[in-house]
Amino acid sequence: MIKISEIKETASEVFHTELQKRTYQTLCELKIPFHRVDTDKIITMEDCEAVN
């Protein structure tokens, strides 16, 4: 079972890449609303299907 968090409207406190960090910074600077969820690592197509 893949763990999926509640829907969040804030940037993550941990960034896995510089691009991810810059994306959230830009969204916040431009005041563009967004929704996100935290999940376990999703690697396979079967994992993707479990999330849907």
PDB file of N, CA and C in Angstrom:
ATOM      1  N   MET A   1       0.854  -1.179   0.000  1.00  0.00           N
ATOM      2  CA  MET A   1       0.000   0.000   0.000  1.00  0.00           C
ATOM      3  C   MET A   1       0.898   1.240   0.000  1.00  0.00           C
ATOM      4  N   ILE A   2       0.630   2.137  -0.896  1.00  0.00           N
ATOM      5  CA  ILE A   2       1.405   3.366  -1.007  1.00  0.00           C
ATOM      6  C   ILE A   2       0.765   4.432  -0.122  1.00  0.00           C
ATOM      7  N   LYS A   3       1.592   5.072   0.689  1.00  0.00           N
ATOM      8  CA  LYS A   3       1.108   6.113   1.583  1.00  0.00           C
ATOM      9  C   LYS A   3       0.947   7.423   0.810  1.00  0.00           C
ATOM     10  N   ILE A   4      -0.220   8.061   0.954  1.00  0.00           N
ATOM     11  CA  ILE A   4      -0.513   9.339   0.308  1.00  0.00           C
ATOM     12  C   ILE A   4      -1.021  10.294   1.374  1.00  0.00           C
ATOM     13  N   SER A   5      -0.430  11.480   1.445  1.00  0.00           N
ATOM     14  CA  SER A   5      -0.827  12.457   2.455  1.00  0.00           C
ATOM     15  C   SER A   5      -2.138  13.131   2.088  1.00  0.00           C
ATOM     16  N   GLU A   6      -2.620  13.916   3.002  1.00  0.00           N
ATOM     17  CA  GLU A   6      -3.756  14.792   2.726  1.00  0.00           C
ATOM     18  C   GLU A   6      -3.302  15.835   1.700  1.00  0.00           C
ATOM     19  N   ILE A   7      -4.240  16.471   1.040  1.00  0.00           N
ATOM     20  CA  ILE A   7      -3.916  17.518   0.071  1.00  0.00           C
ATOM     21  C   ILE A   7      -3.393  18.732   0.826  1.00  0.00           C
ATOM     22  N   LYS A   8      -2.288  19.287   0.322  1.00  0.00           N
ATOM     23  CA  LYS A   8      -1.656  20.451   0.957  1.00  0.00           C
ATOM     24  C   LYS A   8      -1.590  21.600  -0.035  1.00  0.00           C
ATOM     25  N   GLU A   9      -1.610  22.813   0.498  1.00  0.00           N
ATOM     26  CA  GLU A   9      -1.534  24.012  -0.335  1.00  0.00           C
ATOM     27  C   GLU A   9      -0.277  24.815  -0.043  1.00  0.00           C
ATOM     28  N   THR A  10       0.712  24.176   0.567  1.00  0.00           N
ATOM     29  CA  THR A  10       1.981  24.818   0.875  1.00  0.00           C
ATOM     30  C   THR A  10       3.114  24.012   0.251  1.00  0.00           C
ATOM     31  N   ALA A  11       4.232  24.679   0.048  1.00  0.00           N
ATOM     32  CA  ALA A  11       5.398  23.997  -0.509  1.00  0.00           C
ATOM     33  C   ALA A  11       5.955  23.009   0.512  1.00  0.00           C
ATOM     34  N   SER A  12       6.590  21.998   0.012  1.00  0.00           N
ATOM     35  CA  SER A  12       7.250  21.024   0.864  1.00  0.00           C
ATOM     36  C   SER A  12       8.392  21.698   1.618  1.00  0.00           C
ATOM     37  N   GLU A  13       8.722  21.181   2.778  1.00  0.00           N
ATOM     38  CA  GLU A  13       9.874  21.706   3.519  1.00  0.00           C
ATOM     39  C   GLU A  13      11.160  21.010   3.092  1.00  0.00           C
ATOM     40  N   VAL A  14      11.034  19.896   2.378  1.00  0.00           N
ATOM     41  CA  VAL A  14      12.187  19.147   1.882  1.00  0.00           C
ATOM     42  C   VAL A  14      12.089  19.078   0.368  1.00  0.00           C
ATOM     43  N   PHE A  15      13.141  19.489  -0.311  1.00  0.00           N
ATOM     44  CA  PHE A  15      13.160  19.468  -1.771  1.00  0.00           C
ATOM     45  C   PHE A  15      14.137  18.399  -2.237  1.00  0.00           C
ATOM     46  N   HIS A  16      13.725  17.630  -3.244  1.00  0.00           N
ATOM     47  CA  HIS A  16      14.568  16.548  -3.753  1.00  0.00           C
ATOM     48  C   HIS A  16      15.476  17.013  -4.883  1.00  0.00           C
ATOM     49  N   THR A  17      15.110  18.114  -5.525  1.00  0.00           N
ATOM     50  CA  THR A  17      15.942  18.664  -6.597  1.00  0.00           C
ATOM     51  C   THR A  17      15.890  20.193  -6.523  1.00  0.00           C
ATOM     52  N   GLU A  18      16.868  20.823  -7.124  1.00  0.00           N
ATOM     53  CA  GLU A  18      16.888  22.291  -7.202  1.00  0.00           C
ATOM     54  C   GLU A  18      15.702  22.790  -8.027  1.00  0.00           C
ATOM     55  N   LEU A  19      15.338  22.050  -9.078  1.00  0.00           N
ATOM     56  CA  LEU A  19      14.196  22.437  -9.902  1.00  0.00           C
ATOM     57  C   LEU A  19      12.905  22.444  -9.083  1.00  0.00           C
ATOM     58  N   GLN A  20      12.717  21.443  -8.260  1.00  0.00           N
ATOM     59  CA  GLN A  20      11.528  21.376  -7.407  1.00  0.00           C
ATOM     60  C   GLN A  20      11.490  22.593  -6.470  1.00  0.00           C
ATOM     61  N   LYS A  21      12.601  22.925  -5.874  1.00  0.00           N
ATOM     62  CA  LYS A  21      12.686  24.080  -4.978  1.00  0.00           C
ATOM     63  C   LYS A  21      12.346  25.370  -5.721  1.00  0.00           C
ATOM     64  N   ARG A  22      12.933  25.567  -6.882  1.00  0.00           N
ATOM     65  CA  ARG A  22      12.696  26.779  -7.671  1.00  0.00           C
ATOM     66  C   ARG A  22      11.248  26.867  -8.154  1.00  0.00           C
ATOM     67  N   THR A  23      10.656  25.725  -8.479  1.00  0.00           N
ATOM     68  CA  THR A  23       9.256  25.713  -8.922  1.00  0.00           C
ATOM     69  C   THR A  23       8.343  26.214  -7.811  1.00  0.00           C
ATOM     70  N   TYR A  24       8.508  25.689  -6.601  1.00  0.00           N
ATOM     71  CA  TYR A  24       7.676  26.141  -5.485  1.00  0.00           C
ATOM     72  C   TYR A  24       7.937  27.604  -5.151  1.00  0.00           C
ATOM     73  N   GLN A  25       9.193  28.036  -5.209  1.00  0.00           N
ATOM     74  CA  GLN A  25       9.514  29.443  -4.948  1.00  0.00           C
ATOM     75  C   GLN A  25       8.798  30.346  -5.944  1.00  0.00           C
ATOM     76  N   THR A  26       8.820  29.966  -7.216  1.00  0.00           N
ATOM     77  CA  THR A  26       8.184  30.770  -8.261  1.00  0.00           C
ATOM     78  C   THR A  26       6.673  30.805  -8.081  1.00  0.00           C
ATOM     79  N   LEU A  27       6.064  29.669  -7.792  1.00  0.00           N
ATOM     80  CA  LEU A  27       4.623  29.639  -7.554  1.00  0.00           C
ATOM     81  C   LEU A  27       4.251  30.572  -6.400  1.00  0.00           C
ATOM     82  N   CYS A  28       5.025  30.539  -5.339  1.00  0.00           N
ATOM     83  CA  CYS A  28       4.734  31.387  -4.179  1.00  0.00           C
ATOM     84  C   CYS A  28       4.965  32.858  -4.507  1.00  0.00           C
ATOM     85  N   GLU A  29       6.060  33.177  -5.184  1.00  0.00           N
ATOM     86  CA  GLU A  29       6.359  34.564  -5.542  1.00  0.00           C
ATOM     87  C   GLU A  29       5.272  35.152  -6.434  1.00  0.00           C
ATOM     88  N   LEU A  30       4.765  34.358  -7.361  1.00  0.00           N
ATOM     89  CA  LEU A  30       3.740  34.835  -8.283  1.00  0.00           C
ATOM     90  C   LEU A  30       2.322  34.672  -7.717  1.00  0.00           C
ATOM     91  N   LYS A  31       2.253  34.159  -6.483  1.00  0.00           N
ATOM     92  CA  LYS A  31       0.963  33.941  -5.810  1.00  0.00           C
ATOM     93  C   LYS A  31       0.019  33.069  -6.636  1.00  0.00           C
ATOM     94  N   ILE A  32       0.594  32.021  -7.204  1.00  0.00           N
ATOM     95  CA  ILE A  32      -0.177  31.043  -7.975  1.00  0.00           C
ATOM     96  C   ILE A  32      -0.553  29.902  -7.026  1.00  0.00           C
ATOM     97  N   PRO A  33      -1.829  29.696  -6.794  1.00  0.00           N
ATOM     98  CA  PRO A  33      -2.230  28.615  -5.882  1.00  0.00           C
ATOM     99  C   PRO A  33      -1.940  27.233  -6.485  1.00  0.00           C
ATOM    100  N   PHE A  34      -1.670  26.284  -5.614  1.00  0.00           N
ATOM    101  CA  PHE A  34      -1.404  24.915  -6.063  1.00  0.00           C
ATOM    102  C   PHE A  34      -1.825  23.948  -4.972  1.00  0.00           C
ATOM    103  N   HIS A  35      -2.003  22.700  -5.361  1.00  0.00           N
ATOM    104  CA  HIS A  35      -2.290  21.606  -4.438  1.00  0.00           C
ATOM    105  C   HIS A  35      -1.233  20.532  -4.666  1.00  0.00           C
ATOM    106  N   ARG A  36      -0.838  19.868  -3.607  1.00  0.00           N
ATOM    107  CA  ARG A  36       0.137  18.790  -3.729  1.00  0.00           C
ATOM    108  C   ARG A  36      -0.133  17.738  -2.670  1.00  0.00           C
ATOM    109  N   VAL A  37       0.416  16.566  -2.885  1.00  0.00           N
ATOM    110  CA  VAL A  37       0.382  15.497  -1.889  1.00  0.00           C
ATOM    111  C   VAL A  37       1.775  14.904  -1.781  1.00  0.00           C
ATOM    112  N   ASP A  38       2.082  14.378  -0.618  1.00  0.00           N
ATOM    113  CA  ASP A  38       3.317  13.634  -0.415  1.00  0.00           C
ATOM    114  C   ASP A  38       2.990  12.157  -0.558  1.00  0.00           C
ATOM    115  N   THR A  39       3.885  11.421  -1.195  1.00  0.00           N
ATOM    116  CA  THR A  39       3.679   9.986  -1.374  1.00  0.00           C
ATOM    117  C   THR A  39       4.977   9.236  -1.104  1.00  0.00           C
ATOM    118  N   ASP A  40       4.841   7.945  -0.925  1.00  0.00           N
ATOM    119  CA  ASP A  40       6.018   7.092  -0.947  1.00  0.00           C
ATOM    120  C   ASP A  40       6.587   7.161  -2.360  1.00  0.00           C
ATOM    121  N   LYS A  41       7.774   6.645  -2.562  1.00  0.00           N
ATOM    122  CA  LYS A  41       8.331   6.622  -3.918  1.00  0.00           C
ATOM    123  C   LYS A  41       7.431   5.814  -4.832  1.00  0.00           C
ATOM    124  N   ILE A  42       7.164   6.381  -5.992  1.00  0.00           N
ATOM    125  CA  ILE A  42       6.344   5.712  -6.997  1.00  0.00           C
ATOM    126  C   ILE A  42       7.246   5.436  -8.190  1.00  0.00           C
ATOM    127  N   ILE A  43       7.499   4.158  -8.444  1.00  0.00           N
ATOM    128  CA  ILE A  43       8.505   3.779  -9.432  1.00  0.00           C
ATOM    129  C   ILE A  43       7.889   3.040 -10.623  1.00  0.00           C
ATOM    130  N   THR A  44       6.954   2.168 -10.354  1.00  0.00           N
ATOM    131  CA  THR A  44       6.414   1.321 -11.419  1.00  0.00           C
ATOM    132  C   THR A  44       5.035   1.815 -11.868  1.00  0.00           C
ATOM    133  N   MET A  45       4.584   1.323 -12.981  1.00  0.00           N
ATOM    134  CA  MET A  45       3.246   1.648 -13.459  1.00  0.00           C
ATOM    135  C   MET A  45       2.198   1.104 -12.490  1.00  0.00           C
ATOM    136  N   GLU A  46       2.475  -0.008 -11.849  1.00  0.00           N
ATOM    137  CA  GLU A  46       1.554  -0.554 -10.869  1.00  0.00           C
ATOM    138  C   GLU A  46       1.410   0.405  -9.690  1.00  0.00           C
ATOM    139  N   ASP A  47       2.532   1.029  -9.303  1.00  0.00           N
ATOM    140  CA  ASP A  47       2.479   2.042  -8.239  1.00  0.00           C
ATOM    141  C   ASP A  47       1.584   3.206  -8.651  1.00  0.00           C
ATOM    142  N   CYS A  48       1.718   3.641  -9.892  1.00  0.00           N
ATOM    143  CA  CYS A  48       0.894   4.746 -10.414  1.00  0.00           C
ATOM    144  C   CYS A  48      -0.587   4.379 -10.362  1.00  0.00           C
ATOM    145  N   GLU A  49      -0.899   3.166 -10.746  1.00  0.00           N
ATOM    146  CA  GLU A  49      -2.291   2.718 -10.713  1.00  0.00           C
ATOM    147  C   GLU A  49      -2.838   2.709  -9.297  1.00  0.00           C
ATOM    148  N   ALA A  50      -2.000   2.371  -8.330  1.00  0.00           N
ATOM    149  CA  ALA A  50      -2.440   2.332  -6.928  1.00  0.00           C
ATOM    150  C   ALA A  50      -2.787   3.724  -6.428  1.00  0.00           C
ATOM    151  N   VAL A  51      -2.110   4.735  -6.922  1.00  0.00           N
ATOM    152  CA  VAL A  51      -2.372   6.115  -6.497  1.00  0.00           C
ATOM    153  C   VAL A  51      -3.690   6.601  -7.063  1.00  0.00           C
ATOM    154  N   ASN A  52      -3.980   6.258  -8.311  1.00  0.00           N
ATOM    155  CA  ASN A  52      -5.232   6.701  -8.910  1.00  0.00           C
ATOM    156  C   ASN A  52      -6.382   6.124  -8.162  1.00  0.00           C
TER     157      ASN A  52
END
